[in-house]
C-alpha cells in the first residue's frame, strides 16, 4: 500500500511523526514536500494522488493556506474510497480557535458524507491504515474497485 501525505506544511511536524509509524508498519508513502516547489513537483503530486492507494490530508494549526482543504474535499468526491482527512486540533503548542474548529468539523462531516474517513489523531489514523493495508493484501481485487 502507498499513502500520499498531503496537508499542512509550514513548520508542521506531523509528517516527521507519522513517517516512522508508517515505516514500522511497512506502509509505503509519498511525501510531496520539496525545497523548491515548481511545476514538476506539482505534476508529480498530481500523479501520486492518482496512483496512491490512500490520499491522506492532515490539517494542523500551522496551516496558513486552504488548498489542502480543497484537495481533500475534491478527493472525497472523486476518490471517496481512498481519501482520508485527519485534523489535529493541537500541534506544536498551537491550537485552532473555536470558529476554525467548528468549520473544520463541518469539513470532516462533508468528507465523511462523501464516503471517506476522518480522524482526529495519528494513532487512530494508523489503526485504520493498518486495517486497510491488511484488506488490500488479503483481497488484491479490492484495490481495483
Protein backbone atom coordinates (compact mmCIF):
# COMPACT_ATOMS: atom_id res chain seq x y z
CA UNK A 1 0.00 0.00 0.00
CA UNK A 2 1.16 3.55 -0.73
CA UNK A 3 -0.07 6.68 1.08
CA UNK A 4 0.02 10.21 -0.30
CA UNK A 5 0.98 12.59 2.55
CA UNK A 6 -0.93 15.78 1.80
CA UNK A 7 -1.92 18.54 4.16
CA UNK A 8 -0.31 21.23 6.26
CA UNK A 9 3.31 22.12 5.52
CA UNK A 10 4.97 25.20 7.03
CA UNK A 11 6.52 24.34 10.41
CA UNK A 12 4.17 21.42 10.98
CA UNK A 13 5.83 18.22 12.21
CA UNK A 14 3.05 15.70 11.60
CA UNK A 15 4.92 14.08 8.70
CA UNK A 16 8.00 13.57 10.86
CA UNK A 17 5.76 11.92 13.48
CA UNK A 18 3.79 9.77 11.01
CA UNK A 19 6.52 8.56 8.65
CA UNK A 20 8.29 6.39 11.29
CA UNK A 21 4.92 4.83 12.18
CA UNK A 22 4.32 4.05 8.51
CA UNK A 23 7.85 2.63 8.21
CA UNK A 24 7.26 0.38 11.25
CA UNK A 25 4.04 -0.89 9.64
CA UNK A 26 5.82 -1.46 6.28
CA UNK A 27 3.49 1.03 4.60
CA UNK A 28 5.00 2.96 1.70
CA UNK A 29 4.29 6.66 1.28
CA UNK A 30 4.90 9.68 -0.91
CA UNK A 31 5.89 12.93 0.78
CA UNK A 32 5.16 15.83 -1.62
CA UNK A 33 7.16 18.38 0.39
CA UNK A 34 10.15 19.66 -1.59
CA UNK A 35 12.60 22.51 -1.10
CA UNK A 36 11.79 24.10 -4.44
CA UNK A 37 8.10 23.92 -5.40
CA UNK A 38 7.80 24.14 -9.17
CA UNK A 39 5.61 22.76 -11.97
CA UNK A 40 7.49 19.43 -11.99
CA UNK A 41 6.80 18.99 -8.25
CA UNK A 42 3.14 19.86 -8.82
CA UNK A 43 2.84 17.37 -11.68
CA UNK A 44 4.49 14.65 -9.54
CA UNK A 45 1.99 15.41 -6.76
CA UNK A 46 -0.95 15.04 -9.15
CA UNK A 47 0.45 11.75 -10.43
CA UNK A 48 0.94 10.38 -6.91
CA UNK A 49 -2.56 11.42 -5.83
CA UNK A 50 -3.88 9.30 -8.69
CA UNK A 51 -1.79 6.19 -8.12
CA UNK A 52 -1.51 6.05 -4.32
CA UNK A 53 -3.93 3.72 -2.53
CA UNK A 54 -4.67 6.39 0.09
CA UNK A 55 -4.76 10.17 -0.23
CA UNK A 56 -4.21 11.45 3.30
CA UNK A 57 -4.58 15.09 4.28
CA UNK A 58 -3.50 16.07 7.78
CA UNK A 59 -4.53 19.56 8.83
CA UNK A 60 -2.83 21.30 11.77
CA UNK A 61 -2.98 24.80 13.29
CA UNK A 62 0.20 25.62 11.36
CA UNK A 63 -1.94 25.75 8.21
CA UNK A 64 -1.70 29.14 6.51
CA UNK A 65 -3.36 28.32 3.17
CA UNK A 66 -6.57 26.43 2.47
CA UNK A 67 -5.67 24.46 -0.66
CA UNK A 68 -5.33 21.18 1.27
CA UNK A 69 -8.96 21.55 2.35
CA UNK A 70 -9.98 21.88 -1.30
CA UNK A 71 -7.85 18.82 -2.18
CA UNK A 72 -9.39 16.55 0.45
CA UNK A 73 -12.93 17.62 -0.48
CA UNK A 74 -12.10 17.07 -4.15
CA UNK A 75 -10.65 13.63 -3.44
CA UNK A 76 -13.56 12.70 -1.18
CA UNK A 77 -15.84 13.41 -4.15
CA UNK A 78 -13.74 11.79 -6.88
CA UNK A 79 -11.98 9.00 -4.94
CA UNK A 80 -14.01 8.57 -1.77
CA UNK A 81 -12.70 5.08 -1.06
CA UNK A 82 -9.15 6.36 -0.68
CA UNK A 83 -9.43 9.90 0.72
CA UNK A 84 -8.72 10.44 4.41
CA UNK A 85 -8.80 13.63 6.47
CA UNK A 86 -7.06 13.92 9.82
CA UNK A 87 -7.49 17.14 11.78
CA UNK A 88 -5.00 17.67 14.60
CA UNK A 89 -6.63 20.39 16.71
CA UNK A 90 -3.44 20.95 18.72
CA UNK A 91 0.09 20.76 17.36
CA UNK A 92 3.41 22.27 18.46
CA UNK A 93 1.67 24.34 21.14
CA UNK A 94 -0.75 25.88 18.64
CA UNK A 95 -4.49 25.28 18.54
CA UNK A 96 -7.34 26.08 16.18
CA UNK A 97 -9.69 28.71 17.59
CA UNK A 98 -13.33 27.83 18.23
CA UNK A 99 -14.60 29.14 14.86
CA UNK A 100 -11.85 27.33 12.95
CA UNK A 101 -12.58 24.13 14.90
CA UNK A 102 -16.29 24.29 14.06
CA UNK A 103 -15.53 24.94 10.41
CA UNK A 104 -13.10 22.02 10.26
CA UNK A 105 -15.65 19.76 11.97
CA UNK A 106 -18.06 20.66 9.16
CA UNK A 107 -15.41 19.81 6.57
CA UNK A 108 -14.85 16.44 8.29
CA UNK A 109 -18.60 15.73 8.18
CA UNK A 110 -18.69 16.67 4.50
CA UNK A 111 -15.75 14.36 3.75
CA UNK A 112 -17.40 11.51 5.67
CA UNK A 113 -20.70 12.24 3.94
CA UNK A 114 -18.91 11.68 0.64
CA UNK A 115 -17.88 8.20 1.84
CA UNK A 116 -14.36 8.99 3.02
CA UNK A 117 -12.82 8.72 6.50
CA UNK A 118 -11.92 11.42 9.02
CA UNK A 119 -9.77 11.19 12.15
CA UNK A 120 -8.63 13.50 14.93
CA UNK A 121 -5.35 11.82 15.90
CA UNK A 122 -2.47 9.97 14.27
CA UNK A 123 -2.89 6.82 16.39
CA UNK A 124 -6.49 6.25 15.26
CA UNK A 125 -5.41 7.02 11.73
CA UNK A 126 -2.65 4.40 11.93
CA UNK A 127 -5.08 1.74 13.18
CA UNK A 128 -7.23 2.41 10.12
CA UNK A 129 -4.27 2.40 7.71
CA UNK A 130 -3.03 -0.94 9.06
CA UNK A 131 -6.52 -2.46 8.70
CA UNK A 132 -6.84 -1.07 5.16
CA UNK A 133 -3.37 -2.37 4.26
CA UNK A 134 -4.34 -5.85 5.51
CA UNK A 135 -7.56 -5.71 3.48
CA UNK A 136 -5.62 -4.80 0.33
CA UNK A 137 -3.11 -7.58 0.99
CA UNK A 138 -5.82 -10.21 1.57
CA UNK A 139 -8.11 -9.05 -1.23
CA UNK A 140 -5.99 -7.65 -4.07
CA UNK A 141 -9.07 -7.18 -6.26
CA UNK A 142 -10.43 -4.80 -3.61
CA UNK A 143 -7.78 -2.32 -4.74
CA UNK A 144 -9.28 -2.09 -8.21
CA UNK A 145 -12.86 -1.44 -7.08
